[in-house]
Amino acid sequence: MPGRELARLFYTEAVRPLLGDRPHIAARIGPGSDVLGYDTARSTDHDWGPRLEVFLDDPGDLSARLSRELPKRFRGWPTHFAPPGTRVRSMADTDGPVDHYVRITGLGGWLRELLGFDPRQPVTVHDWLATPWQRFAELTGGAVFHDPAGQLGAVRQRLGWYPTDVWRYVLACQWQRIGQEEAFVARTAETGDDLGSRIVTGRLCRDLARLLLLQQRRWPPYQKWLSTAIGGDPARALLEAAMRAPALAERAGALCAAYEEAGTRQNALGLSVSQPAVRRSFFDRGYDVIDAGRYAGALRSAITDPVLAGRPLTGSIDQISDNTDVLERPAVCRALLDL
């Protein structure tokens, strides 16, 4: 059973009857492969099971009541998680009170903890750029089971995607990342460094995968799920061909085909002046590239927001750093973006 469905049933059948008339919001959002819909049987070994988030202003003794009165198993799965109080927990049987995985908290505090700001207030350019894509995915993915006033739904809708100029800026930065390294695939191979050529190809494939998702208005997940998120996109075959190619000609050809597909899609979005989505030679060296800087420049020229128009193309936090210890700490992300 997918974790989101298990959470829905757990709320409806086991948790909701114990809430009485307490005003609340219930959902399964936040960290977890089940929130993104990527959970498998392997996921059940930790941080998976009958769990959910309950948002209310005055929790009172609710957590203690759930510990006493929740069934010890639900639909065959233990509702007790061990070891207690640790960051990573797994389902376990118990003869005593249930150490449940129902997160009970206020909505505002939970949002600030996840994002570093409260999106029920006006969202600034800094808020958008300092928040990792994974955090946006965790908030807007998953499922909401009870939200009578629509508070959580309004937040999820507001953060469903970037405002247009922020989108232009992030796309421009993603194209610029590609433009800065696209010639290195051939240059490293030319020196006899086939491993170096493959390493650069891997980096470019990751940047292309993220670009393709950004073009589709989808938050790119963190590395483990990036390829999964692409799914059956026809461009996936081009990335696979580039990664598997035994020689430079096939590797560069597959990458250029992927660039051309991304360029065609970029033009179709109508966010900037169209650029010919055709490969070209890198100066007089004979390396085929897309000259990704053309797209970065066109997108930047289309930005009207004065804050973004004057900002260097350093990008959002995901384009600045892939350090996990940075991306999991909103305060650090926000501070780093200001450097």
C-alpha atoms as a PDB file:
ATOM      1  CA  MET A   1       0.000   0.000   0.000  1.00  0.00           C
ATOM      2  CA  PRO A   2       1.439   3.434  -0.881  1.00  0.00           C
ATOM      3  CA  GLY A   3       2.303   5.442   2.204  1.00  0.00           C
ATOM      4  CA  ARG A   4      -0.034   8.290   1.301  1.00  0.00           C
ATOM      5  CA  GLU A   5      -2.999   5.921   1.145  1.00  0.00           C
ATOM      6  CA  LEU A   6      -1.990   4.292   4.432  1.00  0.00           C
ATOM      7  CA  ALA A   7      -1.785   7.763   6.019  1.00  0.00           C
ATOM      8  CA  ARG A   8      -5.248   8.677   4.726  1.00  0.00           C
ATOM      9  CA  LEU A   9      -6.806   5.548   6.175  1.00  0.00           C
ATOM     10  CA  PHE A  10      -4.872   5.940   9.430  1.00  0.00           C
ATOM     11  CA  TYR A  11      -6.214   9.463   9.848  1.00  0.00           C
ATOM     12  CA  THR A  12      -9.776   8.606   8.915  1.00  0.00           C
ATOM     13  CA  GLU A  13     -10.152   5.395  10.895  1.00  0.00           C
ATOM     14  CA  ALA A  14      -7.734   5.691  13.825  1.00  0.00           C
ATOM     15  CA  VAL A  15      -6.727   9.305  14.516  1.00  0.00           C
ATOM     16  CA  ARG A  16      -9.796  11.347  13.567  1.00  0.00           C
ATOM     17  CA  PRO A  17     -12.104   9.629  16.098  1.00  0.00           C
ATOM     18  CA  LEU A  18      -9.687  10.602  18.893  1.00  0.00           C
ATOM     19  CA  LEU A  19      -9.588  14.311  17.980  1.00  0.00           C
ATOM     20  CA  GLY A  20     -13.107  15.046  19.110  1.00  0.00           C
ATOM     21  CA  ASP A  21     -14.203  18.576  18.198  1.00  0.00           C
ATOM     22  CA  ARG A  22     -10.673  20.052  18.106  1.00  0.00           C
ATOM     23  CA  PRO A  23     -10.278  22.344  15.052  1.00  0.00           C
ATOM     24  CA  HIS A  24      -7.361  20.938  13.080  1.00  0.00           C
ATOM     25  CA  ILE A  25      -5.682  20.338   9.728  1.00  0.00           C
ATOM     26  CA  ALA A  26      -4.479  16.850   8.843  1.00  0.00           C
ATOM     27  CA  ALA A  27      -2.104  15.893   6.041  1.00  0.00           C
ATOM     28  CA  ARG A  28       0.799  13.728   5.009  1.00  0.00           C
ATOM     29  CA  ILE A  29       3.365  16.260   3.826  1.00  0.00           C
ATOM     30  CA  GLY A  30       7.000  17.059   4.574  1.00  0.00           C
ATOM     31  CA  PRO A  31       9.992  14.705   4.375  1.00  0.00           C
ATOM     32  CA  GLY A  32       9.532  11.153   3.159  1.00  0.00           C
ATOM     33  CA  SER A  33       9.594   9.219  -0.106  1.00  0.00           C
ATOM     34  CA  ASP A  34       5.873   8.491   0.326  1.00  0.00           C
ATOM     35  CA  VAL A  35       5.097  12.220   0.083  1.00  0.00           C
ATOM     36  CA  LEU A  36       6.626  12.291  -3.413  1.00  0.00           C
ATOM     37  CA  GLY A  37       4.947   9.003  -4.332  1.00  0.00           C
ATOM     38  CA  TYR A  38       8.293   7.243  -4.732  1.00  0.00           C
ATOM     39  CA  ASP A  39       8.024   4.792  -1.814  1.00  0.00           C
ATOM     40  CA  THR A  40       8.558   1.091  -2.430  1.00  0.00           C
ATOM     41  CA  ALA A  41       8.717  -2.001  -0.220  1.00  0.00           C
ATOM     42  CA  ARG A  42      12.278  -0.958   0.687  1.00  0.00           C
ATOM     43  CA  SER A  43      10.930   2.298   2.140  1.00  0.00           C
ATOM     44  CA  THR A  44       9.177   0.462   4.958  1.00  0.00           C
ATOM     45  CA  ASP A  45      12.437  -0.088   6.847  1.00  0.00           C
ATOM     46  CA  HIS A  46      12.534   3.454   8.252  1.00  0.00           C
ATOM     47  CA  ASP A  47      10.399   6.605   8.575  1.00  0.00           C
ATOM     48  CA  TRP A  48       7.499   4.906   6.796  1.00  0.00           C
ATOM     49  CA  GLY A  49       4.238   3.583   8.153  1.00  0.00           C
ATOM     50  CA  PRO A  50       1.045   4.891   9.772  1.00  0.00           C
ATOM     51  CA  ARG A  51       2.101   8.514  10.160  1.00  0.00           C
ATOM     52  CA  LEU A  52       0.782  12.006   9.415  1.00  0.00           C
ATOM     53  CA  GLU A  53       0.914  15.662  10.388  1.00  0.00           C
ATOM     54  CA  VAL A  54      -1.815  17.251  12.504  1.00  0.00           C
ATOM     55  CA  PHE A  55      -1.793  21.040  12.730  1.00  0.00           C
ATOM     56  CA  LEU A  56      -3.679  22.773  15.533  1.00  0.00           C
ATOM     57  CA  ASP A  57      -3.100  25.762  17.770  1.00  0.00           C
ATOM     58  CA  ASP A  58      -3.554  24.101  21.173  1.00  0.00           C
ATOM     59  CA  PRO A  59      -2.426  20.454  21.191  1.00  0.00           C
ATOM     60  CA  GLY A  60      -3.134  20.016  24.906  1.00  0.00           C
ATOM     61  CA  ASP A  61      -2.817  16.350  25.865  1.00  0.00           C
ATOM     62  CA  LEU A  62      -3.494  15.061  22.351  1.00  0.00           C
ATOM     63  CA  SER A  63      -0.135  13.346  21.904  1.00  0.00           C
ATOM     64  CA  ALA A  64      -0.484  11.514  25.211  1.00  0.00           C
ATOM     65  CA  ARG A  65      -4.011  10.464  24.336  1.00  0.00           C
ATOM     66  CA  LEU A  66      -2.898   9.054  21.011  1.00  0.00           C
ATOM     67  CA  SER A  67      -0.121   7.157  22.787  1.00  0.00           C
ATOM     68  CA  ARG A  68      -2.681   5.561  25.099  1.00  0.00           C
ATOM     69  CA  GLU A  69      -5.561   4.946  22.714  1.00  0.00           C
ATOM     70  CA  LEU A  70      -4.184   4.309  19.229  1.00  0.00           C
ATOM     71  CA  PRO A  71      -4.275   0.667  18.173  1.00  0.00           C
ATOM     72  CA  LYS A  72      -0.868  -0.988  18.368  1.00  0.00           C
ATOM     73  CA  ARG A  73      -1.277  -2.103  14.769  1.00  0.00           C
ATOM     74  CA  PHE A  74      -3.176  -0.579  11.874  1.00  0.00           C
ATOM     75  CA  ARG A  75      -3.882  -2.488   8.669  1.00  0.00           C
ATOM     76  CA  GLY A  76      -1.165  -4.912   9.729  1.00  0.00           C
ATOM     77  CA  TRP A  77       1.500  -2.232  10.343  1.00  0.00           C
ATOM     78  CA  PRO A  78       2.809  -1.265  13.825  1.00  0.00           C
ATOM     79  CA  THR A  79       1.841   2.235  14.927  1.00  0.00           C
ATOM     80  CA  HIS A  80       4.749   2.327  17.396  1.00  0.00           C
ATOM     81  CA  PHE A  81       8.102   3.701  16.166  1.00  0.00           C
ATOM     82  CA  ALA A  82      11.524   3.118  17.698  1.00  0.00           C
ATOM     83  CA  PRO A  83      13.971   4.187  18.959  1.00  0.00           C
ATOM     84  CA  PRO A  84      11.978   7.000  20.619  1.00  0.00           C
ATOM     85  CA  GLY A  85      13.018  10.595  20.004  1.00  0.00           C
ATOM     86  CA  THR A  86      15.595   9.852  17.300  1.00  0.00           C
ATOM     87  CA  ARG A  87      15.804  11.400  13.838  1.00  0.00           C
ATOM     88  CA  VAL A  88      15.326   8.056  12.055  1.00  0.00           C
ATOM     89  CA  ARG A  89      12.708   5.658  13.402  1.00  0.00           C
ATOM     90  CA  SER A  90      11.231   2.361  12.288  1.00  0.00           C
ATOM     91  CA  MET A  91       7.988   0.541  13.006  1.00  0.00           C
ATOM     92  CA  ALA A  92       8.208  -1.833  15.971  1.00  0.00           C
ATOM     93  CA  ASP A  93       5.801  -3.787  18.133  1.00  0.00           C
ATOM     94  CA  THR A  94       5.224  -2.706  21.720  1.00  0.00           C
ATOM     95  CA  ASP A  95       3.362  -3.913  24.806  1.00  0.00           C
ATOM     96  CA  GLY A  96       3.224  -0.433  26.300  1.00  0.00           C
ATOM     97  CA  PRO A  97       2.098   2.997  25.108  1.00  0.00           C
ATOM     98  CA  VAL A  98       2.474   3.757  21.409  1.00  0.00           C
ATOM     99  CA  ASP A  99       5.336   6.071  20.495  1.00  0.00           C
ATOM    100  CA  HIS A 100       3.399   7.271  17.468  1.00  0.00           C
ATOM    101  CA  TYR A 101       4.534   9.142  14.360  1.00  0.00           C
ATOM    102  CA  VAL A 102       1.763  11.722  14.372  1.00  0.00           C
ATOM    103  CA  ARG A 103       3.461  15.115  14.247  1.00  0.00           C
ATOM    104  CA  ILE A 104       1.311  17.541  16.263  1.00  0.00           C
ATOM    105  CA  THR A 105       2.242  21.201  15.891  1.00  0.00           C
ATOM    106  CA  GLY A 106       1.064  24.647  14.862  1.00  0.00           C
ATOM    107  CA  LEU A 107       0.953  25.290  11.123  1.00  0.00           C
ATOM    108  CA  GLY A 108       3.006  28.500  11.277  1.00  0.00           C
ATOM    109  CA  GLY A 109       5.826  26.953  13.290  1.00  0.00           C
ATOM    110  CA  TRP A 110       5.964  23.900  11.031  1.00  0.00           C
ATOM    111  CA  LEU A 111       6.138  26.068   7.903  1.00  0.00           C
ATOM    112  CA  ARG A 112       8.950  28.196   9.341  1.00  0.00           C
ATOM    113  CA  GLU A 113      10.857  25.068  10.334  1.00  0.00           C
ATOM    114  CA  LEU A 114      10.515  23.535   6.864  1.00  0.00           C
ATOM    115  CA  LEU A 115      11.005  26.663   4.750  1.00  0.00           C
ATOM    116  CA  GLY A 116      12.595  29.320   6.924  1.00  0.00           C
ATOM    117  CA  PHE A 117       9.624  31.673   6.432  1.00  0.00           C
ATOM    118  CA  ASP A 118       5.836  31.683   6.750  1.00  0.00           C
ATOM    119  CA  PRO A 119       4.264  31.733   3.256  1.00  0.00           C
ATOM    120  CA  ARG A 120       0.958  32.926   4.666  1.00  0.00           C
ATOM    121  CA  GLN A 121       2.700  36.322   4.614  1.00  0.00           C
ATOM    122  CA  PRO A 122       3.891  37.934   1.353  1.00  0.00           C
ATOM    123  CA  VAL A 123       6.603  35.763  -0.233  1.00  0.00           C
ATOM    124  CA  THR A 124       9.704  37.686  -1.290  1.00  0.00           C
ATOM    125  CA  VAL A 125      12.265  37.014  -4.021  1.00  0.00           C
ATOM    126  CA  HIS A 126      14.686  36.046  -1.251  1.00  0.00           C
ATOM    127  CA  ASP A 127      12.178  33.494   0.094  1.00  0.00           C
ATOM    128  CA  TRP A 128      11.789  31.898  -3.327  1.00  0.00           C
ATOM    129  CA  LEU A 129      15.506  31.686  -4.073  1.00  0.00           C
ATOM    130  CA  ALA A 130      16.639  30.591  -0.606  1.00  0.00           C
ATOM    131  CA  THR A 131      14.276  27.614  -0.418  1.00  0.00           C
ATOM    132  CA  PRO A 132      15.499  24.263  -1.790  1.00  0.00           C
ATOM    133  CA  TRP A 133      13.383  22.651  -4.488  1.00  0.00           C
ATOM    134  CA  GLN A 134      13.058  19.547  -2.321  1.00  0.00           C
ATOM    135  CA  ARG A 135      11.364  21.581   0.428  1.00  0.00           C
ATOM    136  CA  PHE A 136       8.847  23.015  -2.032  1.00  0.00           C
ATOM    137  CA  ALA A 137       8.196  19.465  -3.285  1.00  0.00           C
ATOM    138  CA  GLU A 138       7.648  18.226   0.273  1.00  0.00           C
ATOM    139  CA  LEU A 139       5.100  20.939   0.978  1.00  0.00           C
ATOM    140  CA  THR A 140       3.175  20.809  -2.299  1.00  0.00           C
ATOM    141  CA  GLY A 141       3.326  17.000  -2.661  1.00  0.00           C
ATOM    142  CA  GLY A 142       1.715  14.422  -0.431  1.00  0.00           C
ATOM    143  CA  ALA A 143      -1.959  14.681   0.458  1.00  0.00           C
ATOM    144  CA  VAL A 144      -4.248  16.800   2.628  1.00  0.00           C
ATOM    145  CA  PHE A 145      -7.004  14.940   4.480  1.00  0.00           C
ATOM    146  CA  HIS A 146      -8.745  17.695   6.458  1.00  0.00           C
ATOM    147  CA  ASP A 147      -8.456  21.442   5.899  1.00  0.00           C
ATOM    148  CA  PRO A 148     -11.884  22.959   6.525  1.00  0.00           C
ATOM    149  CA  ALA A 149     -10.796  26.609   6.248  1.00  0.00           C
ATOM    150  CA  GLY A 150      -8.459  25.935   3.332  1.00  0.00           C
ATOM    151  CA  GLN A 151      -5.393  27.382   5.109  1.00  0.00           C
ATOM    152  CA  LEU A 152      -2.980  24.654   4.075  1.00  0.00           C
ATOM    153  CA  GLY A 153      -4.502  24.439   0.607  1.00  0.00           C
ATOM    154  CA  ALA A 154      -3.905  28.160   0.086  1.00  0.00           C
ATOM    155  CA  VAL A 155      -0.241  27.788   1.100  1.00  0.00           C
ATOM    156  CA  ARG A 156       0.245  24.823  -1.214  1.00  0.00           C
ATOM    157  CA  GLN A 157      -1.336  26.715  -4.092  1.00  0.00           C
ATOM    158  CA  ARG A 158       0.777  29.823  -3.441  1.00  0.00           C
ATOM    159  CA  LEU A 159       3.990  27.774  -3.472  1.00  0.00           C
ATOM    160  CA  GLY A 160       2.945  25.546  -6.344  1.00  0.00           C
ATOM    161  CA  TRP A 161       5.353  27.325  -8.672  1.00  0.00           C
ATOM    162  CA  TYR A 162       7.579  30.353  -9.078  1.00  0.00           C
ATOM    163  CA  PRO A 163       6.240  33.761 -10.104  1.00  0.00           C
ATOM    164  CA  THR A 164       7.063  34.309 -13.782  1.00  0.00           C
ATOM    165  CA  ASP A 165      10.125  36.530 -13.354  1.00  0.00           C
ATOM    166  CA  VAL A 166      11.610  34.249 -10.680  1.00  0.00           C
ATOM    167  CA  TRP A 167      11.028  31.339 -13.055  1.00  0.00           C
ATOM    168  CA  ARG A 168      12.836  33.227 -15.831  1.00  0.00           C
ATOM    169  CA  TYR A 169      15.736  33.939 -13.493  1.00  0.00           C
ATOM    170  CA  VAL A 170      16.111  30.335 -12.290  1.00  0.00           C
ATOM    171  CA  LEU A 171      15.870  28.996 -15.854  1.00  0.00           C
ATOM    172  CA  ALA A 172      18.492  31.504 -16.984  1.00  0.00           C
ATOM    173  CA  CYS A 173      20.812  30.326 -14.213  1.00  0.00           C
ATOM    174  CA  GLN A 174      20.243  26.698 -15.158  1.00  0.00           C
ATOM    175  CA  TRP A 175      21.091  27.375 -18.814  1.00  0.00           C
ATOM    176  CA  GLN A 176      24.159  29.301 -17.692  1.00  0.00           C
ATOM    177  CA  ARG A 177      25.377  26.311 -15.661  1.00  0.00           C
ATOM    178  CA  ILE A 178      25.170  24.199 -18.812  1.00  0.00           C
ATOM    179  CA  GLY A 179      26.891  26.854 -20.892  1.00  0.00           C
ATOM    180  CA  GLN A 180      29.825  26.994 -18.496  1.00  0.00           C
ATOM    181  CA  GLU A 181      30.717  23.311 -18.970  1.00  0.00           C
ATOM    182  CA  GLU A 182      29.198  22.088 -22.243  1.00  0.00           C
ATOM    183  CA  ALA A 183      32.523  22.295 -24.131  1.00  0.00           C
ATOM    184  CA  PHE A 184      34.407  20.314 -21.477  1.00  0.00           C
ATOM    185  CA  VAL A 185      32.988  16.968 -22.623  1.00  0.00           C
ATOM    186  CA  ALA A 186      35.019  17.162 -25.822  1.00  0.00           C
ATOM    187  CA  ARG A 187      37.964  19.070 -24.368  1.00  0.00           C
ATOM    188  CA  THR A 188      38.690  16.444 -21.704  1.00  0.00           C
ATOM    189  CA  ALA A 189      38.323  13.634 -24.228  1.00  0.00           C
ATOM    190  CA  GLU A 190      40.677  15.479 -26.582  1.00  0.00           C
ATOM    191  CA  THR A 191      43.432  15.275 -23.950  1.00  0.00           C
ATOM    192  CA  GLY A 192      42.867  11.545 -23.569  1.00  0.00           C
ATOM    193  CA  ASP A 193      40.951  11.913 -20.298  1.00  0.00           C
ATOM    194  CA  ASP A 194      37.942   9.705 -21.001  1.00  0.00           C
ATOM    195  CA  LEU A 195      37.050   9.501 -17.295  1.00  0.00           C
ATOM    196  CA  GLY A 196      37.042  13.306 -17.104  1.00  0.00           C
ATOM    197  CA  SER A 197      34.745  13.449 -20.128  1.00  0.00           C
ATOM    198  CA  ARG A 198      32.337  11.014 -18.466  1.00  0.00           C
ATOM    199  CA  ILE A 199      32.377  12.951 -15.193  1.00  0.00           C
ATOM    200  CA  VAL A 200      31.489  16.182 -16.996  1.00  0.00           C
ATOM    201  CA  THR A 201      28.796  14.326 -18.942  1.00  0.00           C
ATOM    202  CA  GLY A 202      27.256  13.165 -15.668  1.00  0.00           C
ATOM    203  CA  ARG A 203      27.204  16.708 -14.320  1.00  0.00           C
ATOM    204  CA  LEU A 204      25.596  18.026 -17.505  1.00  0.00           C
ATOM    205  CA  CYS A 205      23.003  15.242 -17.499  1.00  0.00           C
ATOM    206  CA  ARG A 206      22.051  16.229 -13.956  1.00  0.00           C
ATOM    207  CA  ASP A 207      21.746  19.883 -14.974  1.00  0.00           C
ATOM    208  CA  LEU A 208      19.697  18.902 -18.013  1.00  0.00           C
ATOM    209  CA  ALA A 209      17.391  16.718 -15.911  1.00  0.00           C
ATOM    210  CA  ARG A 210      16.779  19.619 -13.548  1.00  0.00           C
ATOM    211  CA  LEU A 211      16.244  21.985 -16.474  1.00  0.00           C
ATOM    212  CA  LEU A 212      13.651  19.684 -18.034  1.00  0.00           C
ATOM    213  CA  LEU A 213      11.713  19.518 -14.759  1.00  0.00           C
ATOM    214  CA  LEU A 214      11.930  23.291 -14.232  1.00  0.00           C
ATOM    215  CA  GLN A 215      10.542  23.802 -17.725  1.00  0.00           C
ATOM    216  CA  GLN A 216       7.583  21.591 -16.771  1.00  0.00           C
ATOM    217  CA  ARG A 217       6.882  23.629 -13.615  1.00  0.00           C
ATOM    218  CA  ARG A 218       7.923  20.711 -11.425  1.00  0.00           C
ATOM    219  CA  TRP A 219      10.148  21.000  -8.359  1.00  0.00           C
ATOM    220  CA  PRO A 220      13.274  18.889  -8.983  1.00  0.00           C
ATOM    221  CA  PRO A 221      13.715  16.462  -6.087  1.00  0.00           C
ATOM    222  CA  TYR A 222      17.032  15.730  -4.469  1.00  0.00           C
ATOM    223  CA  GLN A 223      19.558  13.465  -6.135  1.00  0.00           C
ATOM    224  CA  LYS A 224      18.108  10.083  -5.135  1.00  0.00           C
ATOM    225  CA  TRP A 225      14.825  10.731  -6.925  1.00  0.00           C
ATOM    226  CA  LEU A 226      15.921  13.005  -9.782  1.00  0.00           C
ATOM    227  CA  SER A 227      15.944  10.305 -12.471  1.00  0.00           C
ATOM    228  CA  THR A 228      12.708   8.839 -11.092  1.00  0.00           C
ATOM    229  CA  ALA A 229      11.044  12.234 -11.419  1.00  0.00           C
ATOM    230  CA  ILE A 230      11.897  12.396 -15.131  1.00  0.00           C
ATOM    231  CA  GLY A 231       9.971   9.162 -15.601  1.00  0.00           C
ATOM    232  CA  GLY A 232       9.015   8.405 -19.180  1.00  0.00           C
ATOM    233  CA  ASP A 233      10.012  11.779 -20.618  1.00  0.00           C
ATOM    234  CA  PRO A 234      11.316  11.132 -24.177  1.00  0.00           C
ATOM    235  CA  ALA A 235      14.420  13.171 -23.328  1.00  0.00           C
ATOM    236  CA  ARG A 236      15.351  10.529 -20.758  1.00  0.00           C
ATOM    237  CA  ALA A 237      16.575   8.228 -23.535  1.00  0.00           C
ATOM    238  CA  LEU A 238      18.984  10.934 -24.703  1.00  0.00           C
ATOM    239  CA  LEU A 239      20.440  11.338 -21.208  1.00  0.00           C
ATOM    240  CA  GLU A 240      20.791   7.573 -20.884  1.00  0.00           C
ATOM    241  CA  ALA A 241      22.543   7.406 -24.266  1.00  0.00           C
ATOM    242  CA  ALA A 242      24.985  10.129 -23.227  1.00  0.00           C
ATOM    243  CA  MET A 243      25.807   8.338 -19.974  1.00  0.00           C
ATOM    244  CA  ARG A 244      26.289   4.954 -21.650  1.00  0.00           C
ATOM    245  CA  ALA A 245      28.146   6.076 -24.781  1.00  0.00           C
ATOM    246  CA  PRO A 246      31.532   4.329 -25.084  1.00  0.00           C
ATOM    247  CA  ALA A 247      33.080   7.048 -27.234  1.00  0.00           C
ATOM    248  CA  LEU A 248      33.066  10.834 -27.484  1.00  0.00           C
ATOM    249  CA  ALA A 249      31.142  11.073 -30.778  1.00  0.00           C
ATOM    250  CA  GLU A 250      28.115   9.194 -29.407  1.00  0.00           C
ATOM    251  CA  ARG A 251      28.355  10.920 -26.031  1.00  0.00           C
ATOM    252  CA  ALA A 252      28.480  14.423 -27.501  1.00  0.00           C
ATOM    253  CA  GLY A 253      25.811  13.602 -30.064  1.00  0.00           C
ATOM    254  CA  ALA A 254      23.350  12.427 -27.415  1.00  0.00           C
ATOM    255  CA  LEU A 255      24.036  15.472 -25.247  1.00  0.00           C
ATOM    256  CA  CYS A 256      23.520  17.849 -28.173  1.00  0.00           C
ATOM    257  CA  ALA A 257      20.250  16.125 -29.043  1.00  0.00           C
ATOM    258  CA  ALA A 258      19.140  16.626 -25.432  1.00  0.00           C
ATOM    259  CA  TYR A 259      20.188  20.290 -25.569  1.00  0.00           C
ATOM    260  CA  GLU A 260      18.175  20.771 -28.755  1.00  0.00           C
ATOM    261  CA  GLU A 261      15.108  19.174 -27.146  1.00  0.00           C
ATOM    262  CA  ALA A 262      15.469  21.424 -24.109  1.00  0.00           C
ATOM    263  CA  GLY A 263      15.951  24.447 -26.373  1.00  0.00           C
ATOM    264  CA  THR A 264      12.798  23.616 -28.334  1.00  0.00           C
ATOM    265  CA  ARG A 265      10.831  23.321 -25.107  1.00  0.00           C
ATOM    266  CA  GLN A 266      12.289  26.575 -23.834  1.00  0.00           C
ATOM    267  CA  ASN A 267      11.138  28.413 -26.937  1.00  0.00           C
ATOM    268  CA  ALA A 268       7.656  26.916 -26.595  1.00  0.00           C
ATOM    269  CA  LEU A 269       7.271  28.416 -23.113  1.00  0.00           C
ATOM    270  CA  GLY A 270       7.288  31.940 -24.578  1.00  0.00           C
ATOM    271  CA  LEU A 271       9.211  33.372 -21.638  1.00  0.00           C
ATOM    272  CA  SER A 272      11.803  35.146 -23.782  1.00  0.00           C
ATOM    273  CA  VAL A 273      12.912  35.732 -27.349  1.00  0.00           C
ATOM    274  CA  SER A 274      13.267  32.362 -29.092  1.00  0.00           C
ATOM    275  CA  GLN A 275      16.722  31.042 -29.916  1.00  0.00           C
ATOM    276  CA  PRO A 276      17.513  28.573 -32.738  1.00  0.00           C
ATOM    277  CA  ALA A 277      17.430  25.188 -30.998  1.00  0.00           C
ATOM    278  CA  VAL A 278      20.294  23.848 -33.091  1.00  0.00           C
ATOM    279  CA  ARG A 279      23.780  22.751 -32.119  1.00  0.00           C
ATOM    280  CA  ARG A 280      26.725  24.807 -33.291  1.00  0.00           C
ATOM    281  CA  SER A 281      30.502  24.667 -33.204  1.00  0.00           C
ATOM    282  CA  PHE A 282      32.344  25.927 -30.128  1.00  0.00           C
ATOM    283  CA  PHE A 283      34.433  28.675 -31.704  1.00  0.00           C
ATOM    284  CA  ASP A 284      36.866  27.003 -34.136  1.00  0.00           C
ATOM    285  CA  ARG A 285      37.568  23.911 -32.044  1.00  0.00           C
ATOM    286  CA  GLY A 286      35.066  21.667 -33.760  1.00  0.00           C
ATOM    287  CA  TYR A 287      33.151  20.776 -30.567  1.00  0.00           C
ATOM    288  CA  ASP A 288      29.376  20.704 -30.985  1.00  0.00           C
ATOM    289  CA  VAL A 289      27.500  22.620 -28.273  1.00  0.00           C
ATOM    290  CA  ILE A 290      24.140  24.374 -27.972  1.00  0.00           C
ATOM    291  CA  ASP A 291      25.727  27.651 -26.771  1.00  0.00           C
ATOM    292  CA  ALA A 292      23.461  27.610 -23.724  1.00  0.00           C
ATOM    293  CA  GLY A 293      24.438  31.146 -22.794  1.00  0.00           C
ATOM    294  CA  ARG A 294      22.115  32.386 -25.544  1.00  0.00           C
ATOM    295  CA  TYR A 295      19.107  31.109 -23.608  1.00  0.00           C
ATOM    296  CA  ALA A 296      20.440  32.492 -20.333  1.00  0.00           C
ATOM    297  CA  GLY A 297      20.886  35.920 -21.907  1.00  0.00           C
ATOM    298  CA  ALA A 298      17.461  35.953 -23.559  1.00  0.00           C
ATOM    299  CA  LEU A 299      15.716  34.966 -20.324  1.00  0.00           C
ATOM    300  CA  ARG A 300      17.601  37.540 -18.318  1.00  0.00           C
ATOM    301  CA  SER A 301      16.710  40.271 -20.802  1.00  0.00           C
ATOM    302  CA  ALA A 302      13.023  39.419 -20.363  1.00  0.00           C
ATOM    303  CA  ILE A 303      13.067  39.926 -16.575  1.00  0.00           C
ATOM    304  CA  THR A 304      11.248  43.076 -15.442  1.00  0.00           C
ATOM    305  CA  ASP A 305      11.495  42.680 -11.660  1.00  0.00           C
ATOM    306  CA  PRO A 306      14.179  45.197 -10.569  1.00  0.00           C
ATOM    307  CA  VAL A 307      15.529  42.966  -7.779  1.00  0.00           C
ATOM    308  CA  LEU A 308      16.069  40.056 -10.162  1.00  0.00           C
ATOM    309  CA  ALA A 309      17.158  42.191 -13.120  1.00  0.00           C
ATOM    310  CA  GLY A 310      20.120  43.488 -11.142  1.00  0.00           C
ATOM    311  CA  ARG A 311      21.029  40.175  -9.540  1.00  0.00           C
ATOM    312  CA  PRO A 312      23.988  38.167 -10.899  1.00  0.00           C
ATOM    313  CA  LEU A 313      23.090  34.789 -12.401  1.00  0.00           C
ATOM    314  CA  THR A 314      24.227  32.877  -9.319  1.00  0.00           C
ATOM    315  CA  GLY A 315      20.844  31.187  -9.004  1.00  0.00           C
ATOM    316  CA  SER A 316      18.634  29.700  -6.330  1.00  0.00           C
ATOM    317  CA  ILE A 317      20.137  27.826  -3.396  1.00  0.00           C
ATOM    318  CA  ASP A 318      20.098  24.506  -5.314  1.00  0.00           C
ATOM    319  CA  GLN A 319      22.137  26.122  -8.079  1.00  0.00           C
ATOM    320  CA  ILE A 320      24.620  27.511  -5.574  1.00  0.00           C
ATOM    321  CA  SER A 321      25.190  24.466  -3.375  1.00  0.00           C
ATOM    322  CA  ASP A 322      24.443  20.757  -3.287  1.00  0.00           C
ATOM    323  CA  ASN A 323      25.783  20.328   0.251  1.00  0.00           C
ATOM    324  CA  THR A 324      23.190  18.344   2.196  1.00  0.00           C
ATOM    325  CA  ASP A 325      24.087  19.979   5.511  1.00  0.00           C
ATOM    326  CA  VAL A 326      23.357  23.350   3.907  1.00  0.00           C
ATOM    327  CA  LEU A 327      20.143  22.409   2.102  1.00  0.00           C
ATOM    328  CA  GLU A 328      18.607  20.843   5.216  1.00  0.00           C
ATOM    329  CA  ARG A 329      19.088  24.017   7.287  1.00  0.00           C
ATOM    330  CA  PRO A 330      16.844  26.893   6.122  1.00  0.00           C
ATOM    331  CA  ALA A 331      18.724  29.525   8.131  1.00  0.00           C
ATOM    332  CA  VAL A 332      21.995  28.553   6.459  1.00  0.00           C
ATOM    333  CA  CYS A 333      20.356  28.585   3.008  1.00  0.00           C
ATOM    334  CA  ARG A 334      19.020  32.076   3.627  1.00  0.00           C
ATOM    335  CA  ALA A 335      22.374  33.351   4.904  1.00  0.00           C
ATOM    336  CA  LEU A 336      24.312  31.761   2.038  1.00  0.00           C
ATOM    337  CA  LEU A 337      22.076  33.339  -0.574  1.00  0.00           C
ATOM    338  CA  ASP A 338      23.056  36.785   0.718  1.00  0.00           C
ATOM    339  CA  LEU A 339      26.806  36.267   0.305  1.00  0.00           C
END
